[in-house]
Amino acid sequence: MADTDIAQAKRIVTAVLALVFFSLVAMNGWFIYKWHNADAVFSSLTNGKCELTSLKYTPVLPKQMWDFPFGGETWTDVPCNVQLKISKDDVPETRLLRYTYHQGLLPNVLTDTCKNLVTQTPLNEPFDCCYQVDADGKVMKAQSIGFSMISFLGSGGTYKGKKEELPNLPLLLLMRAVGLFLATMLPLGFVAVCCVRNSVRRAEGREYMPLEA
């Protein structure tokens, strides 16, 4: 093989490895950001009372199923845009309401829907909920959302049920972020260190190579 072919092959391999590296870094960053966002959201939740003022709804995609490993808790997060009033003095408006549908041994994907959960919620009757508050303790006026970033983040908005009753999503996301880091970045770092050491050894070998007579 000619030297030019070898050089071109090295450039291709280097480009592929660089692409893999930056893809893994981006993936790890995304997992860490999802955990950080969920932790911030859950830390700012406070318990209160909410009321549905209408049974009209708009599903917000995608609903997400979460599960802790080794037979832990499994649930579906079902986000719906509904006409919601938070506390007695609040004005009803379209807000994001997240339902937590607890799954059994066999996941049920037929009834973990806005259609089923919203219609089962009593109309104009207070129910336990939790929502985000700002630094002054006021309800954050998070409006309804569509197919946007918050849908992918899996957290944010108003939750049906008390804060202490919600599954520990931040812990699950932290476990996934740590697991991904250990499975990707540590082996990649080890390979990178080995490559650097081999390059240094080859450079040292060329430096001390005896000159021909």
N, C-alpha and C. Protein backbone atom coordinates (compact mmCIF):
# COMPACT_ATOMS: atom_id res chain seq x y z
N MET A 1 0.84 -1.20 0.00
CA MET A 1 0.00 0.00 0.00
C MET A 1 0.88 1.25 0.00
N ALA A 2 0.54 2.21 -0.84
CA ALA A 2 1.32 3.43 -0.94
C ALA A 2 1.17 4.27 0.32
N ASP A 3 2.19 5.14 0.51
CA ASP A 3 2.16 6.00 1.68
C ASP A 3 0.94 6.92 1.67
N THR A 4 0.54 7.37 0.48
CA THR A 4 -0.64 8.25 0.40
C THR A 4 -1.91 7.53 0.82
N ASP A 5 -2.01 6.23 0.45
CA ASP A 5 -3.18 5.44 0.86
C ASP A 5 -3.20 5.25 2.37
N ILE A 6 -2.02 5.00 2.95
CA ILE A 6 -1.94 4.81 4.39
C ILE A 6 -2.33 6.11 5.11
N ALA A 7 -1.85 7.23 4.62
CA ALA A 7 -2.16 8.51 5.22
C ALA A 7 -3.65 8.82 5.13
N GLN A 8 -4.26 8.50 3.99
CA GLN A 8 -5.68 8.74 3.81
C GLN A 8 -6.50 7.85 4.75
N ALA A 9 -6.09 6.59 4.89
CA ALA A 9 -6.78 5.67 5.79
C ALA A 9 -6.69 6.16 7.24
N LYS A 10 -5.51 6.68 7.62
CA LYS A 10 -5.35 7.21 8.97
C LYS A 10 -6.27 8.41 9.20
N ARG A 11 -6.41 9.27 8.18
CA ARG A 11 -7.29 10.42 8.32
C ARG A 11 -8.75 10.00 8.47
N ILE A 12 -9.15 8.98 7.72
CA ILE A 12 -10.53 8.49 7.82
C ILE A 12 -10.79 7.90 9.20
N VAL A 13 -9.85 7.09 9.68
CA VAL A 13 -10.00 6.48 11.01
C VAL A 13 -10.05 7.56 12.08
N THR A 14 -9.19 8.56 11.95
CA THR A 14 -9.17 9.66 12.92
C THR A 14 -10.50 10.41 12.92
N ALA A 15 -11.05 10.67 11.72
CA ALA A 15 -12.33 11.37 11.62
C ALA A 15 -13.46 10.57 12.25
N VAL A 16 -13.46 9.25 12.00
CA VAL A 16 -14.50 8.40 12.57
C VAL A 16 -14.39 8.37 14.09
N LEU A 17 -13.19 8.24 14.60
CA LEU A 17 -12.99 8.21 16.05
C LEU A 17 -13.40 9.55 16.68
N ALA A 18 -13.08 10.65 16.00
CA ALA A 18 -13.47 11.96 16.51
C ALA A 18 -14.99 12.10 16.54
N LEU A 19 -15.67 11.59 15.50
CA LEU A 19 -17.12 11.64 15.45
C LEU A 19 -17.74 10.83 16.59
N VAL A 20 -17.19 9.64 16.82
CA VAL A 20 -17.68 8.79 17.91
C VAL A 20 -17.46 9.49 19.25
N PHE A 21 -16.29 10.08 19.42
CA PHE A 21 -15.97 10.75 20.68
C PHE A 21 -16.94 11.89 20.97
N PHE A 22 -17.14 12.78 20.00
CA PHE A 22 -18.01 13.92 20.22
C PHE A 22 -19.48 13.50 20.36
N SER A 23 -19.86 12.41 19.69
CA SER A 23 -21.22 11.89 19.86
C SER A 23 -21.43 11.38 21.28
N LEU A 24 -20.45 10.68 21.81
CA LEU A 24 -20.56 10.19 23.19
C LEU A 24 -20.55 11.33 24.19
N VAL A 25 -19.74 12.34 23.93
CA VAL A 25 -19.72 13.50 24.82
C VAL A 25 -21.08 14.20 24.81
N ALA A 26 -21.67 14.37 23.61
CA ALA A 26 -22.98 15.01 23.50
C ALA A 26 -24.06 14.18 24.20
N MET A 27 -24.00 12.87 24.04
CA MET A 27 -24.98 12.01 24.68
C MET A 27 -24.87 12.08 26.20
N ASN A 28 -23.65 12.06 26.71
CA ASN A 28 -23.46 12.18 28.16
C ASN A 28 -23.93 13.54 28.66
N GLY A 29 -23.66 14.60 27.88
CA GLY A 29 -24.12 15.93 28.26
C GLY A 29 -25.64 16.01 28.32
N TRP A 30 -26.30 15.36 27.35
CA TRP A 30 -27.76 15.36 27.33
C TRP A 30 -28.34 14.65 28.55
N PHE A 31 -27.76 13.50 28.91
CA PHE A 31 -28.23 12.75 30.07
C PHE A 31 -28.03 13.56 31.35
N ILE A 32 -26.88 14.22 31.46
CA ILE A 32 -26.60 15.03 32.64
C ILE A 32 -27.57 16.22 32.71
N TYR A 33 -27.85 16.83 31.56
CA TYR A 33 -28.76 17.97 31.53
C TYR A 33 -30.17 17.56 31.92
N LYS A 34 -30.63 16.40 31.47
CA LYS A 34 -31.96 15.92 31.83
C LYS A 34 -32.05 15.70 33.34
N TRP A 35 -30.99 15.13 33.93
CA TRP A 35 -31.00 14.95 35.38
C TRP A 35 -31.01 16.30 36.10
N HIS A 36 -30.16 17.21 35.64
CA HIS A 36 -30.08 18.53 36.29
C HIS A 36 -31.42 19.25 36.21
N ASN A 37 -32.09 19.19 35.07
CA ASN A 37 -33.39 19.84 34.91
C ASN A 37 -34.43 19.23 35.83
N ALA A 38 -34.49 17.89 35.87
CA ALA A 38 -35.47 17.21 36.72
C ALA A 38 -35.21 17.51 38.19
N ASP A 39 -33.94 17.54 38.59
CA ASP A 39 -33.60 17.84 39.98
C ASP A 39 -34.04 19.26 40.35
N ALA A 40 -33.84 20.20 39.43
CA ALA A 40 -34.25 21.58 39.69
C ALA A 40 -35.78 21.69 39.77
N VAL A 41 -36.47 20.99 38.88
CA VAL A 41 -37.93 21.03 38.88
C VAL A 41 -38.48 20.44 40.17
N PHE A 42 -38.03 19.24 40.54
CA PHE A 42 -38.56 18.57 41.72
C PHE A 42 -38.20 19.32 43.00
N SER A 43 -37.07 20.01 43.01
CA SER A 43 -36.68 20.78 44.19
C SER A 43 -37.59 22.00 44.39
N SER A 44 -38.17 22.49 43.31
CA SER A 44 -39.01 23.69 43.40
C SER A 44 -40.50 23.37 43.50
N LEU A 45 -40.86 22.09 43.55
CA LEU A 45 -42.27 21.72 43.66
C LEU A 45 -42.81 21.99 45.06
N THR A 46 -44.05 22.40 45.12
CA THR A 46 -44.73 22.57 46.40
C THR A 46 -46.14 22.01 46.27
N ASN A 47 -46.66 21.46 47.36
CA ASN A 47 -47.99 20.84 47.34
C ASN A 47 -49.09 21.90 47.38
N GLY A 48 -50.21 21.56 46.77
CA GLY A 48 -51.35 22.46 46.78
C GLY A 48 -52.59 21.74 46.28
N LYS A 49 -53.59 22.52 45.89
CA LYS A 49 -54.84 21.98 45.36
C LYS A 49 -55.08 22.52 43.96
N CYS A 50 -55.58 21.66 43.11
CA CYS A 50 -55.90 22.05 41.74
C CYS A 50 -57.33 21.62 41.41
N GLU A 51 -57.88 22.25 40.38
CA GLU A 51 -59.21 21.87 39.90
C GLU A 51 -59.22 21.87 38.38
N LEU A 52 -59.85 20.85 37.83
CA LEU A 52 -60.12 20.85 36.40
C LEU A 52 -61.40 21.63 36.16
N THR A 53 -61.37 22.59 35.28
CA THR A 53 -62.57 23.36 34.96
C THR A 53 -63.21 22.93 33.65
N SER A 54 -62.59 21.97 32.99
CA SER A 54 -63.13 21.43 31.76
C SER A 54 -62.50 20.06 31.52
N LEU A 55 -63.25 19.20 30.88
CA LEU A 55 -62.71 17.87 30.55
C LEU A 55 -62.06 17.85 29.17
N LYS A 56 -61.95 19.00 28.55
CA LYS A 56 -61.24 19.07 27.28
C LYS A 56 -59.74 18.96 27.54
N TYR A 57 -59.05 18.34 26.63
CA TYR A 57 -57.62 18.11 26.82
C TYR A 57 -56.93 18.03 25.46
N THR A 58 -55.62 18.19 25.53
CA THR A 58 -54.79 17.98 24.35
C THR A 58 -53.59 17.14 24.78
N PRO A 59 -53.42 15.95 24.24
CA PRO A 59 -52.25 15.14 24.61
C PRO A 59 -50.96 15.83 24.20
N VAL A 60 -49.96 15.71 25.03
CA VAL A 60 -48.64 16.25 24.73
C VAL A 60 -47.69 15.07 24.52
N LEU A 61 -47.19 14.94 23.33
CA LEU A 61 -46.31 13.81 23.01
C LEU A 61 -44.87 14.19 23.28
N PRO A 62 -44.03 13.23 23.62
CA PRO A 62 -44.41 11.83 23.83
C PRO A 62 -44.63 11.54 25.30
N LYS A 63 -45.57 10.66 25.62
CA LYS A 63 -45.63 10.14 26.98
C LYS A 63 -44.43 9.22 27.15
N GLN A 64 -43.94 9.10 28.37
CA GLN A 64 -42.72 8.34 28.59
C GLN A 64 -42.91 7.32 29.71
N MET A 65 -42.41 6.13 29.47
CA MET A 65 -42.44 5.11 30.50
C MET A 65 -41.06 5.04 31.16
N TRP A 66 -41.06 5.06 32.48
CA TRP A 66 -39.82 5.01 33.26
C TRP A 66 -39.84 3.78 34.15
N ASP A 67 -38.68 3.26 34.43
CA ASP A 67 -38.61 2.12 35.35
C ASP A 67 -37.23 2.06 36.01
N PHE A 68 -37.25 1.78 37.31
CA PHE A 68 -36.01 1.53 38.02
C PHE A 68 -35.55 0.11 37.73
N PRO A 69 -34.25 -0.10 37.62
CA PRO A 69 -33.75 -1.45 37.30
C PRO A 69 -33.96 -2.43 38.44
N PHE A 70 -33.80 -3.71 38.10
CA PHE A 70 -33.87 -4.80 39.08
C PHE A 70 -35.24 -4.87 39.77
N GLY A 71 -36.30 -4.75 38.96
CA GLY A 71 -37.65 -4.93 39.49
C GLY A 71 -38.16 -3.75 40.29
N GLY A 72 -37.62 -2.57 40.07
CA GLY A 72 -38.06 -1.39 40.79
C GLY A 72 -39.37 -0.84 40.23
N GLU A 73 -39.72 0.33 40.70
CA GLU A 73 -40.99 0.97 40.32
C GLU A 73 -41.01 1.29 38.83
N THR A 74 -42.19 1.08 38.22
CA THR A 74 -42.40 1.37 36.81
C THR A 74 -43.62 2.26 36.67
N TRP A 75 -43.50 3.31 35.87
CA TRP A 75 -44.63 4.20 35.69
C TRP A 75 -44.55 4.89 34.33
N THR A 76 -45.68 5.46 33.92
CA THR A 76 -45.74 6.24 32.70
C THR A 76 -46.05 7.69 33.06
N ASP A 77 -45.26 8.59 32.52
CA ASP A 77 -45.52 10.02 32.67
C ASP A 77 -46.39 10.46 31.51
N VAL A 78 -47.61 10.90 31.83
CA VAL A 78 -48.59 11.25 30.79
C VAL A 78 -48.87 12.75 30.87
N PRO A 79 -48.25 13.56 30.02
CA PRO A 79 -48.48 15.01 30.05
C PRO A 79 -49.68 15.40 29.18
N CYS A 80 -50.55 16.25 29.74
CA CYS A 80 -51.75 16.67 29.03
C CYS A 80 -51.95 18.18 29.22
N ASN A 81 -52.35 18.86 28.18
CA ASN A 81 -52.76 20.26 28.28
C ASN A 81 -54.23 20.29 28.65
N VAL A 82 -54.55 20.92 29.80
CA VAL A 82 -55.93 20.95 30.30
C VAL A 82 -56.26 22.35 30.81
N GLN A 83 -57.56 22.59 31.03
CA GLN A 83 -58.01 23.82 31.68
C GLN A 83 -57.91 23.58 33.19
N LEU A 84 -56.95 24.26 33.81
CA LEU A 84 -56.62 23.96 35.20
C LEU A 84 -56.62 25.23 36.04
N LYS A 85 -57.13 25.11 37.26
CA LYS A 85 -57.08 26.20 38.23
C LYS A 85 -56.26 25.72 39.42
N ILE A 86 -55.21 26.46 39.75
CA ILE A 86 -54.35 26.13 40.88
C ILE A 86 -54.71 27.03 42.04
N SER A 87 -55.12 26.43 43.16
CA SER A 87 -55.58 27.13 44.37
C SER A 87 -56.90 27.84 44.08
N LYS A 88 -57.53 28.32 45.13
CA LYS A 88 -58.87 28.91 45.00
C LYS A 88 -58.84 30.23 44.24
N ASP A 89 -57.78 30.98 44.38
CA ASP A 89 -57.74 32.33 43.82
C ASP A 89 -57.20 32.38 42.40
N ASP A 90 -56.75 31.26 41.89
CA ASP A 90 -56.12 31.27 40.57
C ASP A 90 -57.19 31.33 39.48
N VAL A 91 -56.82 31.93 38.37
CA VAL A 91 -57.72 32.01 37.22
C VAL A 91 -57.49 30.79 36.34
N PRO A 92 -58.55 30.07 35.96
CA PRO A 92 -58.37 28.89 35.11
C PRO A 92 -57.69 29.25 33.79
N GLU A 93 -56.75 28.44 33.40
CA GLU A 93 -56.07 28.64 32.12
C GLU A 93 -55.52 27.31 31.64
N THR A 94 -55.12 27.28 30.39
CA THR A 94 -54.56 26.05 29.84
C THR A 94 -53.16 25.84 30.38
N ARG A 95 -52.98 24.73 31.06
CA ARG A 95 -51.69 24.41 31.67
C ARG A 95 -51.31 22.96 31.36
N LEU A 96 -50.04 22.69 31.58
CA LEU A 96 -49.56 21.31 31.44
C LEU A 96 -49.77 20.58 32.76
N LEU A 97 -50.54 19.52 32.73
CA LEU A 97 -50.78 18.67 33.89
C LEU A 97 -50.19 17.30 33.61
N ARG A 98 -49.31 16.85 34.48
CA ARG A 98 -48.65 15.55 34.29
C ARG A 98 -49.29 14.52 35.21
N TYR A 99 -49.78 13.46 34.60
CA TYR A 99 -50.34 12.32 35.34
C TYR A 99 -49.26 11.26 35.50
N THR A 100 -49.25 10.61 36.64
CA THR A 100 -48.35 9.49 36.89
C THR A 100 -49.18 8.20 36.89
N TYR A 101 -48.99 7.39 35.86
CA TYR A 101 -49.73 6.14 35.74
C TYR A 101 -48.81 5.00 36.16
N HIS A 102 -49.10 4.42 37.32
CA HIS A 102 -48.26 3.35 37.85
C HIS A 102 -48.53 2.05 37.11
N GLN A 103 -47.46 1.45 36.62
CA GLN A 103 -47.57 0.22 35.85
C GLN A 103 -47.36 -1.00 36.74
N GLY A 104 -47.89 -2.12 36.25
CA GLY A 104 -47.70 -3.37 36.96
C GLY A 104 -46.58 -4.18 36.33
N LEU A 105 -46.62 -5.47 36.53
CA LEU A 105 -45.59 -6.35 35.98
C LEU A 105 -45.60 -6.32 34.46
N LEU A 106 -46.81 -6.28 33.90
CA LEU A 106 -46.97 -6.17 32.45
C LEU A 106 -47.45 -4.75 32.13
N PRO A 107 -46.67 -3.97 31.41
CA PRO A 107 -47.05 -2.58 31.12
C PRO A 107 -48.37 -2.50 30.36
N ASN A 108 -49.19 -1.54 30.73
CA ASN A 108 -50.47 -1.28 30.07
C ASN A 108 -50.35 0.01 29.28
N VAL A 109 -50.30 -0.10 27.97
CA VAL A 109 -50.14 1.08 27.12
C VAL A 109 -51.48 1.52 26.52
N LEU A 110 -52.58 0.90 26.94
CA LEU A 110 -53.88 1.23 26.39
C LEU A 110 -54.62 2.27 27.24
N THR A 111 -54.42 2.22 28.55
CA THR A 111 -55.15 3.14 29.43
C THR A 111 -54.27 4.22 30.05
N ASP A 112 -52.97 4.22 29.74
CA ASP A 112 -52.11 5.29 30.25
C ASP A 112 -52.15 6.47 29.28
N THR A 113 -53.34 7.02 29.10
CA THR A 113 -53.56 8.07 28.10
C THR A 113 -54.27 9.26 28.73
N CYS A 114 -54.16 10.41 28.08
CA CYS A 114 -54.89 11.59 28.54
C CYS A 114 -56.40 11.34 28.51
N LYS A 115 -56.86 10.67 27.48
CA LYS A 115 -58.30 10.40 27.35
C LYS A 115 -58.82 9.66 28.57
N ASN A 116 -58.09 8.68 29.04
CA ASN A 116 -58.54 7.89 30.18
C ASN A 116 -58.35 8.64 31.50
N LEU A 117 -57.20 9.28 31.68
CA LEU A 117 -56.87 9.88 32.97
C LEU A 117 -57.61 11.20 33.21
N VAL A 118 -57.73 12.03 32.17
CA VAL A 118 -58.43 13.30 32.36
C VAL A 118 -59.91 13.08 32.63
N THR A 119 -60.52 12.18 31.88
CA THR A 119 -61.96 11.94 32.06
C THR A 119 -62.26 11.28 33.41
N GLN A 120 -61.28 10.65 34.03
CA GLN A 120 -61.48 10.06 35.36
C GLN A 120 -61.26 11.07 36.49
N THR A 121 -60.78 12.25 36.15
CA THR A 121 -60.55 13.28 37.17
C THR A 121 -61.85 14.05 37.39
N PRO A 122 -62.33 14.15 38.66
CA PRO A 122 -63.59 14.87 38.92
C PRO A 122 -63.50 16.33 38.47
N LEU A 123 -64.57 16.81 37.87
CA LEU A 123 -64.62 18.17 37.35
C LEU A 123 -65.00 19.14 38.46
N ASN A 124 -64.26 20.26 38.53
CA ASN A 124 -64.52 21.33 39.51
C ASN A 124 -64.46 20.84 40.96
N GLU A 125 -63.63 19.84 41.20
CA GLU A 125 -63.41 19.35 42.56
C GLU A 125 -61.92 19.39 42.85
N PRO A 126 -61.52 19.96 44.00
CA PRO A 126 -60.09 20.07 44.31
C PRO A 126 -59.43 18.69 44.46
N PHE A 127 -58.24 18.58 43.93
CA PHE A 127 -57.45 17.36 44.12
C PHE A 127 -56.01 17.76 44.43
N ASP A 128 -55.30 16.82 45.06
CA ASP A 128 -53.90 17.09 45.41
C ASP A 128 -53.06 17.25 44.16
N CYS A 129 -52.20 18.24 44.18
CA CYS A 129 -51.28 18.45 43.07
C CYS A 129 -50.03 19.13 43.60
N CYS A 130 -49.03 19.23 42.78
CA CYS A 130 -47.82 19.97 43.13
C CYS A 130 -47.34 20.69 41.89
N TYR A 131 -46.74 21.84 42.11
CA TYR A 131 -46.38 22.72 41.00
C TYR A 131 -45.12 23.49 41.37
N GLN A 132 -44.51 24.08 40.37
CA GLN A 132 -43.29 24.83 40.59
C GLN A 132 -43.59 26.23 41.12
N VAL A 133 -42.77 26.67 42.04
CA VAL A 133 -42.88 28.02 42.57
C VAL A 133 -41.55 28.73 42.38
N ASP A 134 -41.60 30.04 42.28
CA ASP A 134 -40.38 30.82 42.10
C ASP A 134 -39.76 31.16 43.46
N ALA A 135 -38.76 32.01 43.45
CA ALA A 135 -38.04 32.35 44.69
C ALA A 135 -38.94 33.05 45.70
N ASP A 136 -40.00 33.70 45.22
CA ASP A 136 -40.93 34.40 46.11
C ASP A 136 -42.08 33.52 46.57
N GLY A 137 -42.04 32.23 46.18
CA GLY A 137 -43.11 31.32 46.57
C GLY A 137 -44.36 31.42 45.72
N LYS A 138 -44.30 32.12 44.59
CA LYS A 138 -45.45 32.26 43.71
C LYS A 138 -45.44 31.16 42.66
N VAL A 139 -46.66 30.79 42.25
CA VAL A 139 -46.78 29.74 41.23
C VAL A 139 -46.16 30.24 39.93
N MET A 140 -45.28 29.43 39.36
CA MET A 140 -44.69 29.79 38.08
C MET A 140 -45.73 29.60 36.99
N LYS A 141 -45.94 30.63 36.24
CA LYS A 141 -46.98 30.61 35.22
C LYS A 141 -46.50 29.89 33.96
N ALA A 142 -46.25 28.60 34.09
CA ALA A 142 -45.86 27.80 32.94
C ALA A 142 -47.10 27.51 32.11
N GLN A 143 -47.09 28.00 30.91
CA GLN A 143 -48.26 27.83 30.05
C GLN A 143 -48.25 26.45 29.40
N SER A 144 -49.27 26.20 28.62
CA SER A 144 -49.35 24.91 27.94
C SER A 144 -48.22 24.79 26.94
N ILE A 145 -47.90 23.58 26.60
CA ILE A 145 -46.82 23.35 25.66
C ILE A 145 -47.25 22.34 24.63
N GLY A 146 -46.55 22.32 23.54
CA GLY A 146 -46.79 21.32 22.52
C GLY A 146 -45.61 20.38 22.44
N PHE A 147 -45.26 20.02 21.21
CA PHE A 147 -44.15 19.09 21.01
C PHE A 147 -42.85 19.88 21.11
N SER A 148 -42.40 20.17 22.31
CA SER A 148 -41.26 21.05 22.52
C SER A 148 -40.22 20.38 23.39
N MET A 149 -39.19 21.16 23.74
CA MET A 149 -38.08 20.62 24.50
C MET A 149 -38.51 20.00 25.81
N ILE A 150 -39.47 20.65 26.51
CA ILE A 150 -39.88 20.13 27.81
C ILE A 150 -40.48 18.74 27.70
N SER A 151 -41.06 18.40 26.54
CA SER A 151 -41.60 17.06 26.34
C SER A 151 -40.49 16.03 26.40
N PHE A 152 -39.34 16.35 25.81
CA PHE A 152 -38.22 15.42 25.80
C PHE A 152 -37.54 15.36 27.16
N LEU A 153 -37.55 16.48 27.89
CA LEU A 153 -36.90 16.49 29.20
C LEU A 153 -37.63 15.61 30.20
N GLY A 154 -38.94 15.46 30.05
CA GLY A 154 -39.69 14.56 30.92
C GLY A 154 -40.02 15.13 32.28
N SER A 155 -39.84 16.43 32.48
CA SER A 155 -40.18 17.04 33.78
C SER A 155 -40.55 18.50 33.56
N GLY A 156 -41.34 19.02 34.50
CA GLY A 156 -41.80 20.40 34.40
C GLY A 156 -43.30 20.48 34.28
N GLY A 157 -43.88 21.57 34.78
CA GLY A 157 -45.31 21.74 34.74
C GLY A 157 -45.94 21.44 36.10
N THR A 158 -47.22 21.08 36.07
CA THR A 158 -47.97 20.74 37.29
C THR A 158 -48.17 19.23 37.33
N TYR A 159 -48.00 18.66 38.51
CA TYR A 159 -48.13 17.21 38.67
C TYR A 159 -49.38 16.89 39.47
N LYS A 160 -50.11 15.88 39.07
CA LYS A 160 -51.24 15.40 39.85
C LYS A 160 -50.70 14.52 40.98
N GLY A 161 -51.11 14.84 42.22
CA GLY A 161 -50.63 14.11 43.38
C GLY A 161 -49.66 14.96 44.19
N LYS A 162 -49.40 14.54 45.40
CA LYS A 162 -48.47 15.26 46.26
C LYS A 162 -47.02 15.01 45.84
N LYS A 163 -46.16 15.95 46.19
CA LYS A 163 -44.75 15.86 45.81
C LYS A 163 -44.11 14.58 46.33
N GLU A 164 -44.41 14.23 47.58
CA GLU A 164 -43.78 13.06 48.19
C GLU A 164 -44.31 11.75 47.61
N GLU A 165 -45.40 11.81 46.86
CA GLU A 165 -45.96 10.60 46.26
C GLU A 165 -45.41 10.34 44.86
N LEU A 166 -44.72 11.30 44.30
CA LEU A 166 -44.20 11.13 42.94
C LEU A 166 -43.00 10.18 42.92
N PRO A 167 -42.86 9.40 41.86
CA PRO A 167 -41.65 8.59 41.73
C PRO A 167 -40.42 9.48 41.65
N ASN A 168 -39.31 8.96 42.13
CA ASN A 168 -38.07 9.75 42.21
C ASN A 168 -37.38 9.78 40.84
N LEU A 169 -37.92 10.59 39.95
CA LEU A 169 -37.36 10.69 38.60
C LEU A 169 -35.93 11.23 38.60
N PRO A 170 -35.60 12.26 39.41
CA PRO A 170 -34.20 12.74 39.41
C PRO A 170 -33.20 11.65 39.76
N LEU A 171 -33.54 10.79 40.71
CA LEU A 171 -32.63 9.71 41.08
C LEU A 171 -32.44 8.75 39.91
N LEU A 172 -33.52 8.41 39.23
CA LEU A 172 -33.43 7.50 38.08
C LEU A 172 -32.56 8.10 36.98
N LEU A 173 -32.76 9.40 36.69
CA LEU A 173 -31.97 10.05 35.65
C LEU A 173 -30.50 10.16 36.04
N LEU A 174 -30.24 10.36 37.34
CA LEU A 174 -28.85 10.38 37.80
C LEU A 174 -28.20 9.02 37.63
N MET A 175 -28.93 7.95 37.96
CA MET A 175 -28.40 6.60 37.78
C MET A 175 -28.10 6.33 36.31
N ARG A 176 -28.96 6.77 35.42
CA ARG A 176 -28.73 6.56 33.99
C ARG A 176 -27.53 7.36 33.50
N ALA A 177 -27.40 8.60 33.99
CA ALA A 177 -26.27 9.43 33.57
C ALA A 177 -24.95 8.83 34.04
N VAL A 178 -24.91 8.37 35.28
CA VAL A 178 -23.69 7.76 35.81
C VAL A 178 -23.39 6.46 35.07
N GLY A 179 -24.42 5.66 34.82
CA GLY A 179 -24.22 4.41 34.09
C GLY A 179 -23.69 4.62 32.70
N LEU A 180 -24.23 5.63 32.00
CA LEU A 180 -23.75 5.92 30.65
C LEU A 180 -22.30 6.39 30.68
N PHE A 181 -21.97 7.22 31.67
CA PHE A 181 -20.59 7.71 31.78
C PHE A 181 -19.62 6.56 32.02
N LEU A 182 -19.98 5.67 32.93
CA LEU A 182 -19.10 4.54 33.23
C LEU A 182 -18.96 3.59 32.03
N ALA A 183 -20.03 3.49 31.24
CA ALA A 183 -20.01 2.56 30.11
C ALA A 183 -19.35 3.13 28.87
N THR A 184 -19.22 4.45 28.80
CA THR A 184 -18.69 5.06 27.57
C THR A 184 -17.41 5.86 27.80
N MET A 185 -17.46 6.84 28.67
CA MET A 185 -16.35 7.77 28.79
C MET A 185 -15.14 7.15 29.48
N LEU A 186 -15.36 6.29 30.48
CA LEU A 186 -14.21 5.65 31.13
C LEU A 186 -13.45 4.74 30.17
N PRO A 187 -14.11 3.83 29.45
CA PRO A 187 -13.36 3.03 28.47
C PRO A 187 -12.71 3.90 27.39
N LEU A 188 -13.40 4.95 26.95
CA LEU A 188 -12.83 5.82 25.94
C LEU A 188 -11.59 6.54 26.48
N GLY A 189 -11.66 6.98 27.73
CA GLY A 189 -10.50 7.61 28.35
C GLY A 189 -9.34 6.66 28.48
N PHE A 190 -9.62 5.40 28.82
CA PHE A 190 -8.57 4.39 28.94
C PHE A 190 -7.89 4.16 27.59
N VAL A 191 -8.70 4.06 26.53
CA VAL A 191 -8.14 3.86 25.19
C VAL A 191 -7.29 5.06 24.79
N ALA A 192 -7.78 6.27 25.11
CA ALA A 192 -7.03 7.48 24.77
C ALA A 192 -5.69 7.51 25.48
N VAL A 193 -5.66 7.15 26.76
CA VAL A 193 -4.40 7.12 27.52
C VAL A 193 -3.43 6.12 26.92
N CYS A 194 -3.94 4.94 26.56
CA CYS A 194 -3.08 3.92 25.96
C CYS A 194 -2.50 4.41 24.63
N CYS A 195 -3.32 5.09 23.82
CA CYS A 195 -2.83 5.60 22.54
C CYS A 195 -1.74 6.64 22.74
N VAL A 196 -1.95 7.52 23.72
CA VAL A 196 -0.94 8.54 23.99
C VAL A 196 0.37 7.90 24.47
N ARG A 197 0.27 6.93 25.35
CA ARG A 197 1.47 6.26 25.85
C ARG A 197 2.22 5.56 24.72
N ASN A 198 1.48 4.90 23.83
CA ASN A 198 2.12 4.22 22.71
C ASN A 198 2.80 5.21 21.78
N SER A 199 2.15 6.37 21.57
CA SER A 199 2.75 7.39 20.72
C SER A 199 4.04 7.92 21.33
N VAL A 200 4.02 8.13 22.65
CA VAL A 200 5.22 8.62 23.34
C VAL A 200 6.35 7.60 23.25
N ARG A 201 6.02 6.33 23.41
CA ARG A 201 7.05 5.29 23.33
C ARG A 201 7.64 5.20 21.93
N ARG A 202 6.79 5.31 20.90
CA ARG A 202 7.31 5.25 19.54
C ARG A 202 8.21 6.45 19.26
N ALA A 203 7.80 7.62 19.78
CA ALA A 203 8.62 8.82 19.58
C ALA A 203 9.97 8.67 20.28
N GLU A 204 9.96 8.11 21.49
CA GLU A 204 11.21 7.89 22.21
C GLU A 204 12.08 6.87 21.48
N GLY A 205 11.46 5.83 20.90
CA GLY A 205 12.23 4.82 20.18
C GLY A 205 12.90 5.40 18.96
N ARG A 206 12.20 6.29 18.24
CA ARG A 206 12.81 6.92 17.08
C ARG A 206 13.94 7.87 17.49
N GLU A 207 13.79 8.51 18.66
CA GLU A 207 14.81 9.46 19.12
C GLU A 207 16.12 8.78 19.47
N TYR A 208 16.00 7.60 20.04
CA TYR A 208 17.23 6.90 20.46
C TYR A 208 17.65 5.81 19.48
N MET A 209 17.10 5.80 18.30
CA MET A 209 17.48 4.81 17.30
C MET A 209 18.91 5.06 16.84
N PRO A 210 19.80 4.05 16.90
CA PRO A 210 21.20 4.25 16.51
C PRO A 210 21.34 4.57 15.02
N LEU A 211 22.24 5.47 14.74
CA LEU A 211 22.49 5.85 13.35
C LEU A 211 23.27 4.76 12.64
N GLU A 212 22.95 4.56 11.36
CA GLU A 212 23.67 3.54 10.59
C GLU A 212 25.09 4.02 10.27
N ALA A 213 26.00 3.09 10.25
CA ALA A 213 27.41 3.43 9.96
C ALA A 213 27.53 3.87 8.50
